[in-house]
């Protein structure tokens, strides 16, 4: 089958690598040209309107421009600017009700003459909604009715027939991304702010998931005294099922930790006849690496991994050193970090 496909490709011209690379360069060059064409005054006004917007940003477009509009709306929303996509046809049949006088509209159209979008303009103006146009025809009806015009025109589409929206949509999307990223900086969006909008993503979890959210505490975290026998240690580790047990004093302060590895090393060194006389304080690792329950789980992961000898379980303590529980490397990985 592969040979048949390859034979057919060869008979239709071949050298597809150069074709694909050439089209990528065409789109990249179009973005560069758009960056040069954009007027400083128009950009400044765009950022001012969007950063001072008291309502939401309403993105409108139809067809491929509508798809680009959805992406721009999603990017704005996830980076600190409330935005929604509004289909022009739906808007003319009732959905225009979501637009308020406190909103700002971003209209996308390559021609600037899209019927449904042009039909919306009087209604947006009636609501006194500022219109930012990202378009390919600066002499169009949309351009004449917009408060801000961002020139997204291109010399040629990547389409071999120069028909399918390709280069033009890439440029419009790039302009939308640039606006969204600039607004992030203007609004001072932090990594923590970004994470609040992406709680299920890995980055969101790294910036929001805390040790307290995944640690084992209470009944899940049995502890033993420093005088506990080796048999009591084994029983506690087995009952807890965490591969370790914390050693605490009568007031709950952490004295050490005993892991499966500590037990094995002890058994290798000690005379079996003396096992009954050995206590947990002789088996435990004293002054172990610990973590606070308020610490980010990602920081705990770094503590456990970025060291000469990796550890798989770590005691959790409060600011006074009182033992609160245990956190395992397995729990952190299972959380999706």
C-alpha atoms as a PDB file:
ATOM      1  CA  UNK A   1       0.000   0.000   0.000  1.00  0.00           C
ATOM      2  CA  UNK A   2       2.808   2.409   0.922  1.00  0.00           C
ATOM      3  CA  UNK A   3       4.568   1.648  -2.370  1.00  0.00           C
ATOM      4  CA  UNK A   4       1.391   2.469  -4.302  1.00  0.00           C
ATOM      5  CA  UNK A   5       0.999   5.779  -2.492  1.00  0.00           C
ATOM      6  CA  UNK A   6       4.662   6.635  -3.031  1.00  0.00           C
ATOM      7  CA  UNK A   7       4.409   5.800  -6.732  1.00  0.00           C
ATOM      8  CA  UNK A   8       1.350   8.005  -7.092  1.00  0.00           C
ATOM      9  CA  UNK A   9       3.041  10.870  -5.297  1.00  0.00           C
ATOM     10  CA  UNK A  10       6.063  10.668  -7.569  1.00  0.00           C
ATOM     11  CA  UNK A  11       3.882  10.887 -10.668  1.00  0.00           C
ATOM     12  CA  UNK A  12       2.219  14.073  -9.352  1.00  0.00           C
ATOM     13  CA  UNK A  13       5.404  16.098  -9.052  1.00  0.00           C
ATOM     14  CA  UNK A  14       7.114  14.996  -5.848  1.00  0.00           C
ATOM     15  CA  UNK A  15       9.358  17.230  -3.746  1.00  0.00           C
ATOM     16  CA  UNK A  16       6.558  17.894  -1.262  1.00  0.00           C
ATOM     17  CA  UNK A  17       9.002  18.828   1.455  1.00  0.00           C
ATOM     18  CA  UNK A  18      10.000  21.976  -0.410  1.00  0.00           C
ATOM     19  CA  UNK A  19       6.356  22.776  -1.121  1.00  0.00           C
ATOM     20  CA  UNK A  20       5.350  22.528   2.542  1.00  0.00           C
ATOM     21  CA  UNK A  21       8.396  24.508   3.708  1.00  0.00           C
ATOM     22  CA  UNK A  22       7.745  27.140   1.044  1.00  0.00           C
ATOM     23  CA  UNK A  23       4.160  27.614   2.220  1.00  0.00           C
ATOM     24  CA  UNK A  24       5.271  27.865   5.849  1.00  0.00           C
ATOM     25  CA  UNK A  25       7.728  30.572   4.849  1.00  0.00           C
ATOM     26  CA  UNK A  26       4.990  32.366   2.927  1.00  0.00           C
ATOM     27  CA  UNK A  27       2.806  32.482   6.034  1.00  0.00           C
ATOM     28  CA  UNK A  28       5.735  33.498   8.262  1.00  0.00           C
ATOM     29  CA  UNK A  29       6.654  36.327   5.891  1.00  0.00           C
ATOM     30  CA  UNK A  30       3.033  37.491   5.858  1.00  0.00           C
ATOM     31  CA  UNK A  31       3.070  37.792   9.654  1.00  0.00           C
ATOM     32  CA  UNK A  32       6.303  39.792   9.431  1.00  0.00           C
ATOM     33  CA  UNK A  33       4.761  42.146   6.864  1.00  0.00           C
ATOM     34  CA  UNK A  34       1.654  42.555   9.026  1.00  0.00           C
ATOM     35  CA  UNK A  35       3.850  43.533  11.983  1.00  0.00           C
ATOM     36  CA  UNK A  36       5.437  46.251   9.847  1.00  0.00           C
ATOM     37  CA  UNK A  37       2.075  47.543   8.547  1.00  0.00           C
ATOM     38  CA  UNK A  38       0.341  47.822  11.910  1.00  0.00           C
ATOM     39  CA  UNK A  39       0.130  51.458  12.957  1.00  0.00           C
ATOM     40  CA  UNK A  40       1.316  52.434  16.427  1.00  0.00           C
ATOM     41  CA  UNK A  41      -1.715  54.632  17.080  1.00  0.00           C
ATOM     42  CA  UNK A  42      -4.133  51.833  16.216  1.00  0.00           C
ATOM     43  CA  UNK A  43      -2.318  49.346  18.459  1.00  0.00           C
ATOM     44  CA  UNK A  44      -2.216  51.784  21.372  1.00  0.00           C
ATOM     45  CA  UNK A  45      -5.928  52.457  21.023  1.00  0.00           C
ATOM     46  CA  UNK A  46      -6.666  48.727  20.821  1.00  0.00           C
ATOM     47  CA  UNK A  47      -4.835  47.959  24.049  1.00  0.00           C
ATOM     48  CA  UNK A  48      -6.409  50.955  25.790  1.00  0.00           C
ATOM     49  CA  UNK A  49      -9.951  49.929  24.798  1.00  0.00           C
ATOM     50  CA  UNK A  50      -9.435  46.316  25.841  1.00  0.00           C
ATOM     51  CA  UNK A  51      -7.547  46.953  29.073  1.00  0.00           C
ATOM     52  CA  UNK A  52     -10.100  49.531  30.240  1.00  0.00           C
ATOM     53  CA  UNK A  53     -13.135  47.466  29.179  1.00  0.00           C
ATOM     54  CA  UNK A  54     -15.575  47.209  32.103  1.00  0.00           C
ATOM     55  CA  UNK A  55     -17.584  44.439  30.469  1.00  0.00           C
ATOM     56  CA  UNK A  56     -16.394  41.666  28.198  1.00  0.00           C
ATOM     57  CA  UNK A  57     -14.742  41.397  24.811  1.00  0.00           C
ATOM     58  CA  UNK A  58     -17.136  40.118  22.155  1.00  0.00           C
ATOM     59  CA  UNK A  59     -15.430  38.447  19.200  1.00  0.00           C
ATOM     60  CA  UNK A  60     -17.460  38.268  15.986  1.00  0.00           C
ATOM     61  CA  UNK A  61     -16.679  36.582  12.695  1.00  0.00           C
ATOM     62  CA  UNK A  62     -18.126  33.984  10.383  1.00  0.00           C
ATOM     63  CA  UNK A  63     -16.684  31.040   8.476  1.00  0.00           C
ATOM     64  CA  UNK A  64     -12.937  30.633   8.906  1.00  0.00           C
ATOM     65  CA  UNK A  65     -12.801  34.055  10.570  1.00  0.00           C
ATOM     66  CA  UNK A  66     -15.294  32.718  13.099  1.00  0.00           C
ATOM     67  CA  UNK A  67     -13.006  29.803  13.902  1.00  0.00           C
ATOM     68  CA  UNK A  68     -10.120  32.227  14.405  1.00  0.00           C
ATOM     69  CA  UNK A  69     -12.442  34.356  16.544  1.00  0.00           C
ATOM     70  CA  UNK A  70     -13.235  31.410  18.811  1.00  0.00           C
ATOM     71  CA  UNK A  71      -9.517  30.799  19.323  1.00  0.00           C
ATOM     72  CA  UNK A  72      -8.852  34.462  20.128  1.00  0.00           C
ATOM     73  CA  UNK A  73     -11.769  34.511  22.578  1.00  0.00           C
ATOM     74  CA  UNK A  74     -10.441  31.376  24.269  1.00  0.00           C
ATOM     75  CA  UNK A  75      -6.932  32.819  24.514  1.00  0.00           C
ATOM     76  CA  UNK A  76      -8.174  36.097  25.978  1.00  0.00           C
ATOM     77  CA  UNK A  77     -10.373  34.329  28.530  1.00  0.00           C
ATOM     78  CA  UNK A  78      -7.571  32.044  29.692  1.00  0.00           C
ATOM     79  CA  UNK A  79      -5.148  34.946  30.091  1.00  0.00           C
ATOM     80  CA  UNK A  80      -7.182  37.314  32.213  1.00  0.00           C
ATOM     81  CA  UNK A  81      -9.541  39.074  29.796  1.00  0.00           C
ATOM     82  CA  UNK A  82     -13.176  37.954  29.794  1.00  0.00           C
ATOM     83  CA  UNK A  83     -14.151  37.243  26.192  1.00  0.00           C
ATOM     84  CA  UNK A  84     -16.902  35.425  24.308  1.00  0.00           C
ATOM     85  CA  UNK A  85     -17.412  34.463  20.694  1.00  0.00           C
ATOM     86  CA  UNK A  86     -20.654  35.605  19.028  1.00  0.00           C
ATOM     87  CA  UNK A  87     -21.773  34.226  15.690  1.00  0.00           C
ATOM     88  CA  UNK A  88     -23.087  37.129  13.559  1.00  0.00           C
ATOM     89  CA  UNK A  89     -26.061  35.154  12.212  1.00  0.00           C
ATOM     90  CA  UNK A  90     -27.099  34.068  15.698  1.00  0.00           C
ATOM     91  CA  UNK A  91     -26.633  37.622  16.925  1.00  0.00           C
ATOM     92  CA  UNK A  92     -29.171  38.909  14.396  1.00  0.00           C
ATOM     93  CA  UNK A  93     -31.682  36.350  15.660  1.00  0.00           C
ATOM     94  CA  UNK A  94     -31.602  37.138  19.365  1.00  0.00           C
ATOM     95  CA  UNK A  95     -28.081  36.465  20.653  1.00  0.00           C
ATOM     96  CA  UNK A  96     -27.226  40.142  20.319  1.00  0.00           C
ATOM     97  CA  UNK A  97     -28.735  40.374  23.781  1.00  0.00           C
ATOM     98  CA  UNK A  98     -25.427  39.278  25.326  1.00  0.00           C
ATOM     99  CA  UNK A  99     -23.799  42.526  24.166  1.00  0.00           C
ATOM    100  CA  UNK A 100     -23.890  45.438  26.628  1.00  0.00           C
ATOM    101  CA  UNK A 101     -22.756  49.053  26.491  1.00  0.00           C
ATOM    102  CA  UNK A 102     -19.743  48.153  28.643  1.00  0.00           C
ATOM    103  CA  UNK A 103     -18.391  45.674  26.103  1.00  0.00           C
ATOM    104  CA  UNK A 104     -15.814  45.999  23.341  1.00  0.00           C
ATOM    105  CA  UNK A 105     -16.198  44.138  20.048  1.00  0.00           C
ATOM    106  CA  UNK A 106     -13.455  42.620  17.903  1.00  0.00           C
ATOM    107  CA  UNK A 107     -14.699  41.947  14.371  1.00  0.00           C
ATOM    108  CA  UNK A 108     -12.798  39.648  12.013  1.00  0.00           C
ATOM    109  CA  UNK A 109     -13.287  39.592   8.261  1.00  0.00           C
ATOM    110  CA  UNK A 110     -10.808  39.262   5.425  1.00  0.00           C
ATOM    111  CA  UNK A 111     -13.012  41.138   2.959  1.00  0.00           C
ATOM    112  CA  UNK A 112     -14.571  43.490   5.462  1.00  0.00           C
ATOM    113  CA  UNK A 113     -17.843  43.052   3.574  1.00  0.00           C
ATOM    114  CA  UNK A 114     -19.265  39.909   5.198  1.00  0.00           C
ATOM    115  CA  UNK A 115     -23.037  40.402   4.996  1.00  0.00           C
ATOM    116  CA  UNK A 116     -23.986  39.118   8.442  1.00  0.00           C
ATOM    117  CA  UNK A 117     -21.181  41.016  10.120  1.00  0.00           C
ATOM    118  CA  UNK A 118     -21.940  44.286   8.282  1.00  0.00           C
ATOM    119  CA  UNK A 119     -25.596  43.891   9.278  1.00  0.00           C
ATOM    120  CA  UNK A 120     -24.518  43.831  12.944  1.00  0.00           C
ATOM    121  CA  UNK A 121     -22.666  47.152  12.811  1.00  0.00           C
ATOM    122  CA  UNK A 122     -25.677  49.480  13.336  1.00  0.00           C
ATOM    123  CA  UNK A 123     -26.781  47.443  16.335  1.00  0.00           C
ATOM    124  CA  UNK A 124     -23.317  47.562  17.899  1.00  0.00           C
ATOM    125  CA  UNK A 125     -23.155  51.300  17.343  1.00  0.00           C
ATOM    126  CA  UNK A 126     -26.627  51.723  18.862  1.00  0.00           C
ATOM    127  CA  UNK A 127     -25.217  50.094  22.021  1.00  0.00           C
ATOM    128  CA  UNK A 128     -22.181  52.403  21.774  1.00  0.00           C
ATOM    129  CA  UNK A 129     -19.845  49.417  21.652  1.00  0.00           C
ATOM    130  CA  UNK A 130     -16.340  50.261  20.386  1.00  0.00           C
ATOM    131  CA  UNK A 131     -15.391  48.122  17.390  1.00  0.00           C
ATOM    132  CA  UNK A 132     -11.876  46.849  16.743  1.00  0.00           C
ATOM    133  CA  UNK A 133     -11.600  45.433  13.219  1.00  0.00           C
ATOM    134  CA  UNK A 134      -9.001  42.862  12.204  1.00  0.00           C
ATOM    135  CA  UNK A 135      -9.412  42.675   8.448  1.00  0.00           C
ATOM    136  CA  UNK A 136      -7.744  42.305   5.092  1.00  0.00           C
ATOM    137  CA  UNK A 137      -9.411  45.250   3.334  1.00  0.00           C
ATOM    138  CA  UNK A 138      -8.828  48.618   4.978  1.00  0.00           C
ATOM    139  CA  UNK A 139     -11.167  50.304   2.483  1.00  0.00           C
ATOM    140  CA  UNK A 140     -14.162  48.125   3.342  1.00  0.00           C
ATOM    141  CA  UNK A 141     -17.492  48.843   5.013  1.00  0.00           C
ATOM    142  CA  UNK A 142     -16.238  47.264   8.241  1.00  0.00           C
ATOM    143  CA  UNK A 143     -13.127  49.446   8.215  1.00  0.00           C
ATOM    144  CA  UNK A 144     -15.155  52.616   7.732  1.00  0.00           C
ATOM    145  CA  UNK A 145     -17.408  51.765  10.692  1.00  0.00           C
ATOM    146  CA  UNK A 146     -14.721  50.559  13.097  1.00  0.00           C
ATOM    147  CA  UNK A 147     -13.150  52.609  15.848  1.00  0.00           C
ATOM    148  CA  UNK A 148      -9.835  50.839  15.326  1.00  0.00           C
ATOM    149  CA  UNK A 149      -8.557  49.182  12.152  1.00  0.00           C
ATOM    150  CA  UNK A 150      -5.816  46.543  12.347  1.00  0.00           C
ATOM    151  CA  UNK A 151      -4.504  45.733   8.880  1.00  0.00           C
ATOM    152  CA  UNK A 152      -4.295  41.941   8.461  1.00  0.00           C
ATOM    153  CA  UNK A 153      -4.089  41.981   4.658  1.00  0.00           C
ATOM    154  CA  UNK A 154      -1.879  39.481   2.840  1.00  0.00           C
ATOM    155  CA  UNK A 155      -0.328  39.432  -0.623  1.00  0.00           C
ATOM    156  CA  UNK A 156      -1.279  35.826  -1.301  1.00  0.00           C
ATOM    157  CA  UNK A 157      -3.052  32.940   0.349  1.00  0.00           C
ATOM    158  CA  UNK A 158      -1.088  29.730   0.871  1.00  0.00           C
ATOM    159  CA  UNK A 159      -3.816  28.030  -1.158  1.00  0.00           C
ATOM    160  CA  UNK A 160      -2.465  27.183  -4.669  1.00  0.00           C
ATOM    161  CA  UNK A 161      -5.668  28.676  -6.104  1.00  0.00           C
ATOM    162  CA  UNK A 162      -5.296  31.733  -3.849  1.00  0.00           C
ATOM    163  CA  UNK A 163      -8.841  31.084  -2.628  1.00  0.00           C
ATOM    164  CA  UNK A 164      -8.960  29.102   0.637  1.00  0.00           C
ATOM    165  CA  UNK A 165      -8.395  31.295   3.717  1.00  0.00           C
ATOM    166  CA  UNK A 166      -4.956  30.199   4.927  1.00  0.00           C
ATOM    167  CA  UNK A 167      -2.357  32.940   5.135  1.00  0.00           C
ATOM    168  CA  UNK A 168      -5.032  35.510   5.968  1.00  0.00           C
ATOM    169  CA  UNK A 169      -6.399  33.483   8.893  1.00  0.00           C
ATOM    170  CA  UNK A 170      -2.863  32.818  10.159  1.00  0.00           C
ATOM    171  CA  UNK A 171      -2.127  36.554  10.216  1.00  0.00           C
ATOM    172  CA  UNK A 172      -5.440  37.366  11.937  1.00  0.00           C
ATOM    173  CA  UNK A 173      -4.785  34.716  14.569  1.00  0.00           C
ATOM    174  CA  UNK A 174      -1.240  35.968  15.141  1.00  0.00           C
ATOM    175  CA  UNK A 175      -2.525  39.512  15.675  1.00  0.00           C
ATOM    176  CA  UNK A 176      -5.114  38.199  18.140  1.00  0.00           C
ATOM    177  CA  UNK A 177      -2.439  36.278  20.039  1.00  0.00           C
ATOM    178  CA  UNK A 178      -0.173  39.325  20.163  1.00  0.00           C
ATOM    179  CA  UNK A 179      -3.006  41.446  21.556  1.00  0.00           C
ATOM    180  CA  UNK A 180      -3.863  38.837  24.199  1.00  0.00           C
ATOM    181  CA  UNK A 181      -0.254  38.476  25.327  1.00  0.00           C
ATOM    182  CA  UNK A 182       0.177  42.248  25.521  1.00  0.00           C
ATOM    183  CA  UNK A 183      -2.956  42.503  27.661  1.00  0.00           C
ATOM    184  CA  UNK A 184      -1.497  39.859  29.976  1.00  0.00           C
ATOM    185  CA  UNK A 185       1.477  42.118  30.599  1.00  0.00           C
ATOM    186  CA  UNK A 186      -0.634  45.252  30.971  1.00  0.00           C
ATOM    187  CA  UNK A 187      -2.822  43.537  33.567  1.00  0.00           C
ATOM    188  CA  UNK A 188       0.150  42.037  35.366  1.00  0.00           C
ATOM    189  CA  UNK A 189      -1.141  38.460  35.101  1.00  0.00           C
ATOM    190  CA  UNK A 190       1.014  36.110  37.187  1.00  0.00           C
ATOM    191  CA  UNK A 191       1.632  32.383  36.886  1.00  0.00           C
ATOM    192  CA  UNK A 192      -0.709  31.866  39.836  1.00  0.00           C
ATOM    193  CA  UNK A 193      -3.453  33.882  38.095  1.00  0.00           C
ATOM    194  CA  UNK A 194      -2.940  31.852  34.929  1.00  0.00           C
ATOM    195  CA  UNK A 195      -3.142  28.610  36.883  1.00  0.00           C
ATOM    196  CA  UNK A 196      -6.536  29.566  38.342  1.00  0.00           C
ATOM    197  CA  UNK A 197      -7.938  29.438  34.808  1.00  0.00           C
ATOM    198  CA  UNK A 198      -6.198  26.118  34.068  1.00  0.00           C
ATOM    199  CA  UNK A 199      -6.779  24.017  37.198  1.00  0.00           C
ATOM    200  CA  UNK A 200      -6.901  20.692  35.338  1.00  0.00           C
ATOM    201  CA  UNK A 201      -3.761  21.253  33.301  1.00  0.00           C
ATOM    202  CA  UNK A 202      -0.291  20.255  34.438  1.00  0.00           C
ATOM    203  CA  UNK A 203       0.809  23.869  34.793  1.00  0.00           C
ATOM    204  CA  UNK A 204      -2.293  24.689  36.806  1.00  0.00           C
ATOM    205  CA  UNK A 205      -1.668  21.793  39.158  1.00  0.00           C
ATOM    206  CA  UNK A 206       1.965  22.773  39.588  1.00  0.00           C
ATOM    207  CA  UNK A 207       0.893  26.220  40.709  1.00  0.00           C
ATOM    208  CA  UNK A 208      -2.148  25.334  42.818  1.00  0.00           C
ATOM    209  CA  UNK A 209      -1.982  21.728  44.103  1.00  0.00           C
ATOM    210  CA  UNK A 210      -0.620  21.665  47.650  1.00  0.00           C
ATOM    211  CA  UNK A 211       0.901  18.925  49.749  1.00  0.00           C
ATOM    212  CA  UNK A 212      -2.173  19.068  52.008  1.00  0.00           C
ATOM    213  CA  UNK A 213      -4.333  18.049  49.038  1.00  0.00           C
ATOM    214  CA  UNK A 214      -2.629  14.688  48.522  1.00  0.00           C
ATOM    215  CA  UNK A 215      -0.800  13.849  51.769  1.00  0.00           C
ATOM    216  CA  UNK A 216      -1.761  10.961  54.057  1.00  0.00           C
ATOM    217  CA  UNK A 217      -2.814  12.094  57.514  1.00  0.00           C
ATOM    218  CA  UNK A 218      -4.920  10.998  60.469  1.00  0.00           C
ATOM    219  CA  UNK A 219      -5.904   7.351  60.342  1.00  0.00           C
ATOM    220  CA  UNK A 220      -4.031   6.986  57.051  1.00  0.00           C
ATOM    221  CA  UNK A 221      -0.803   7.986  58.778  1.00  0.00           C
ATOM    222  CA  UNK A 222       0.033   5.747  61.777  1.00  0.00           C
ATOM    223  CA  UNK A 223       2.915   6.931  63.930  1.00  0.00           C
ATOM    224  CA  UNK A 224       5.074   5.178  66.504  1.00  0.00           C
ATOM    225  CA  UNK A 225       7.054   6.186  69.581  1.00  0.00           C
ATOM    226  CA  UNK A 226      10.868   6.173  69.678  1.00  0.00           C
ATOM    227  CA  UNK A 227      10.766   3.167  72.035  1.00  0.00           C
ATOM    228  CA  UNK A 228       8.592   0.986  69.785  1.00  0.00           C
ATOM    229  CA  UNK A 229       9.950  -2.496  69.073  1.00  0.00           C
ATOM    230  CA  UNK A 230      10.990  -3.641  65.616  1.00  0.00           C
ATOM    231  CA  UNK A 231       7.867  -5.814  65.463  1.00  0.00           C
ATOM    232  CA  UNK A 232       5.672  -2.764  66.231  1.00  0.00           C
ATOM    233  CA  UNK A 233       7.517  -0.872  63.492  1.00  0.00           C
ATOM    234  CA  UNK A 234       6.813  -3.594  60.939  1.00  0.00           C
ATOM    235  CA  UNK A 235       3.170  -3.755  62.027  1.00  0.00           C
ATOM    236  CA  UNK A 236       2.750   0.016  61.704  1.00  0.00           C
ATOM    237  CA  UNK A 237       4.316   0.106  58.239  1.00  0.00           C
ATOM    238  CA  UNK A 238       2.181  -2.808  57.094  1.00  0.00           C
ATOM    239  CA  UNK A 239      -1.029  -1.289  58.446  1.00  0.00           C
ATOM    240  CA  UNK A 240      -0.328   2.106  56.937  1.00  0.00           C
ATOM    241  CA  UNK A 241       0.531   0.675  53.535  1.00  0.00           C
ATOM    242  CA  UNK A 242       2.748   3.674  52.742  1.00  0.00           C
ATOM    243  CA  UNK A 243       6.133   2.003  52.952  1.00  0.00           C
ATOM    244  CA  UNK A 244       7.136   4.129  55.934  1.00  0.00           C
ATOM    245  CA  UNK A 245       6.108   5.296  59.380  1.00  0.00           C
ATOM    246  CA  UNK A 246       6.888   8.517  61.250  1.00  0.00           C
ATOM    247  CA  UNK A 247       8.490   8.400  64.690  1.00  0.00           C
ATOM    248  CA  UNK A 248       7.105  11.061  67.067  1.00  0.00           C
ATOM    249  CA  UNK A 249       7.434  11.972  70.735  1.00  0.00           C
ATOM    250  CA  UNK A 250       4.585  12.257  73.244  1.00  0.00           C
ATOM    251  CA  UNK A 251       3.748  15.754  71.995  1.00  0.00           C
ATOM    252  CA  UNK A 252       3.616  14.793  68.324  1.00  0.00           C
ATOM    253  CA  UNK A 253       6.935  16.334  67.326  1.00  0.00           C
ATOM    254  CA  UNK A 254       8.695  14.495  64.508  1.00  0.00           C
ATOM    255  CA  UNK A 255      11.844  12.664  65.588  1.00  0.00           C
ATOM    256  CA  UNK A 256      12.505  10.614  62.486  1.00  0.00           C
ATOM    257  CA  UNK A 257      11.126   8.303  59.816  1.00  0.00           C
ATOM    258  CA  UNK A 258      11.480   4.586  59.244  1.00  0.00           C
ATOM    259  CA  UNK A 259      11.093   3.251  55.709  1.00  0.00           C
ATOM    260  CA  UNK A 260      11.187  -0.254  54.280  1.00  0.00           C
ATOM    261  CA  UNK A 261      14.753   0.506  53.269  1.00  0.00           C
ATOM    262  CA  UNK A 262      15.718   1.464  56.822  1.00  0.00           C
ATOM    263  CA  UNK A 263      14.380  -1.882  58.039  1.00  0.00           C
ATOM    264  CA  UNK A 264      16.327  -3.871  55.429  1.00  0.00           C
ATOM    265  CA  UNK A 265      19.557  -2.047  56.190  1.00  0.00           C
ATOM    266  CA  UNK A 266      19.064  -2.627  59.915  1.00  0.00           C
ATOM    267  CA  UNK A 267      18.444  -6.360  59.435  1.00  0.00           C
ATOM    268  CA  UNK A 268      21.617  -6.638  57.346  1.00  0.00           C
ATOM    269  CA  UNK A 269      23.766  -5.039  60.057  1.00  0.00           C
ATOM    270  CA  UNK A 270      22.357  -6.372  63.331  1.00  0.00           C
ATOM    271  CA  UNK A 271      22.695  -9.756  64.963  1.00  0.00           C
ATOM    272  CA  UNK A 272      19.279 -11.512  64.575  1.00  0.00           C
ATOM    273  CA  UNK A 273      19.403 -12.543  68.207  1.00  0.00           C
ATOM    274  CA  UNK A 274      19.349  -8.884  69.228  1.00  0.00           C
ATOM    275  CA  UNK A 275      16.281  -7.887  67.179  1.00  0.00           C
ATOM    276  CA  UNK A 276      13.951  -8.055  70.148  1.00  0.00           C
ATOM    277  CA  UNK A 277      15.993  -5.497  72.034  1.00  0.00           C
ATOM    278  CA  UNK A 278      16.247  -2.938  69.247  1.00  0.00           C
ATOM    279  CA  UNK A 279      13.902   0.068  69.347  1.00  0.00           C
ATOM    280  CA  UNK A 280      12.613   2.351  66.608  1.00  0.00           C
ATOM    281  CA  UNK A 281      14.980   5.200  67.557  1.00  0.00           C
ATOM    282  CA  UNK A 282      17.888   2.951  66.527  1.00  0.00           C
ATOM    283  CA  UNK A 283      16.309   2.140  63.170  1.00  0.00           C
ATOM    284  CA  UNK A 284      14.933   5.525  62.139  1.00  0.00           C
ATOM    285  CA  UNK A 285      16.504   8.167  59.935  1.00  0.00           C
ATOM    286  CA  UNK A 286      16.945  11.152  62.228  1.00  0.00           C
ATOM    287  CA  UNK A 287      16.272  14.726  61.059  1.00  0.00           C
ATOM    288  CA  UNK A 288      14.755  13.607  57.744  1.00  0.00           C
ATOM    289  CA  UNK A 289      13.905  15.918  54.859  1.00  0.00           C
ATOM    290  CA  UNK A 290      10.440  17.311  55.582  1.00  0.00           C
ATOM    291  CA  UNK A 291       7.870  19.471  53.862  1.00  0.00           C
ATOM    292  CA  UNK A 292       5.089  21.812  54.991  1.00  0.00           C
ATOM    293  CA  UNK A 293       1.460  20.994  54.240  1.00  0.00           C
ATOM    294  CA  UNK A 294       1.119  24.467  52.675  1.00  0.00           C
ATOM    295  CA  UNK A 295       3.961  23.775  50.276  1.00  0.00           C
ATOM    296  CA  UNK A 296       3.118  23.201  46.619  1.00  0.00           C
ATOM    297  CA  UNK A 297       3.130  19.541  45.658  1.00  0.00           C
ATOM    298  CA  UNK A 298       5.457  20.398  42.768  1.00  0.00           C
ATOM    299  CA  UNK A 299       7.983  21.858  45.227  1.00  0.00           C
ATOM    300  CA  UNK A 300       7.735  18.664  47.268  1.00  0.00           C
ATOM    301  CA  UNK A 301       8.469  16.702  44.115  1.00  0.00           C
ATOM    302  CA  UNK A 302      11.615  18.744  43.561  1.00  0.00           C
ATOM    303  CA  UNK A 303      12.713  18.132  47.158  1.00  0.00           C
ATOM    304  CA  UNK A 304      12.323  14.386  46.697  1.00  0.00           C
ATOM    305  CA  UNK A 305      13.904  14.072  43.265  1.00  0.00           C
ATOM    306  CA  UNK A 306      16.594  16.760  43.009  1.00  0.00           C
ATOM    307  CA  UNK A 307      19.052  15.234  45.437  1.00  0.00           C
ATOM    308  CA  UNK A 308      21.966  12.762  45.235  1.00  0.00           C
ATOM    309  CA  UNK A 309      19.792   9.968  46.641  1.00  0.00           C
ATOM    310  CA  UNK A 310      16.133  10.157  45.629  1.00  0.00           C
ATOM    311  CA  UNK A 311      13.543   9.609  48.338  1.00  0.00           C
ATOM    312  CA  UNK A 312      10.092   8.167  47.730  1.00  0.00           C
ATOM    313  CA  UNK A 313       8.336   9.212  50.955  1.00  0.00           C
ATOM    314  CA  UNK A 314       8.632  12.336  53.101  1.00  0.00           C
ATOM    315  CA  UNK A 315       7.184  13.481  56.444  1.00  0.00           C
ATOM    316  CA  UNK A 316       4.835  16.481  56.464  1.00  0.00           C
ATOM    317  CA  UNK A 317       5.170  18.856  59.426  1.00  0.00           C
ATOM    318  CA  UNK A 318       3.783  22.217  60.507  1.00  0.00           C
ATOM    319  CA  UNK A 319       5.837  25.313  61.293  1.00  0.00           C
ATOM    320  CA  UNK A 320       6.535  24.015  64.819  1.00  0.00           C
ATOM    321  CA  UNK A 321       7.770  20.632  63.661  1.00  0.00           C
ATOM    322  CA  UNK A 322       4.692  18.671  64.705  1.00  0.00           C
ATOM    323  CA  UNK A 323       4.117  15.692  62.447  1.00  0.00           C
ATOM    324  CA  UNK A 324       1.021  15.980  60.236  1.00  0.00           C
ATOM    325  CA  UNK A 325       1.431  13.062  57.870  1.00  0.00           C
ATOM    326  CA  UNK A 326       3.339  11.563  54.967  1.00  0.00           C
ATOM    327  CA  UNK A 327       3.522  12.307  51.259  1.00  0.00           C
ATOM    328  CA  UNK A 328       4.752   9.799  48.703  1.00  0.00           C
ATOM    329  CA  UNK A 329       6.357  10.315  45.309  1.00  0.00           C
ATOM    330  CA  UNK A 330       3.701   7.948  43.993  1.00  0.00           C
ATOM    331  CA  UNK A 331       0.918  10.244  45.216  1.00  0.00           C
ATOM    332  CA  UNK A 332       2.479  13.236  43.464  1.00  0.00           C
ATOM    333  CA  UNK A 333       2.822  11.406  40.152  1.00  0.00           C
ATOM    334  CA  UNK A 334      -0.708  10.038  40.441  1.00  0.00           C
ATOM    335  CA  UNK A 335      -2.013  13.596  40.832  1.00  0.00           C
ATOM    336  CA  UNK A 336      -0.899  14.365  37.290  1.00  0.00           C
ATOM    337  CA  UNK A 337       2.127  16.564  37.974  1.00  0.00           C
END
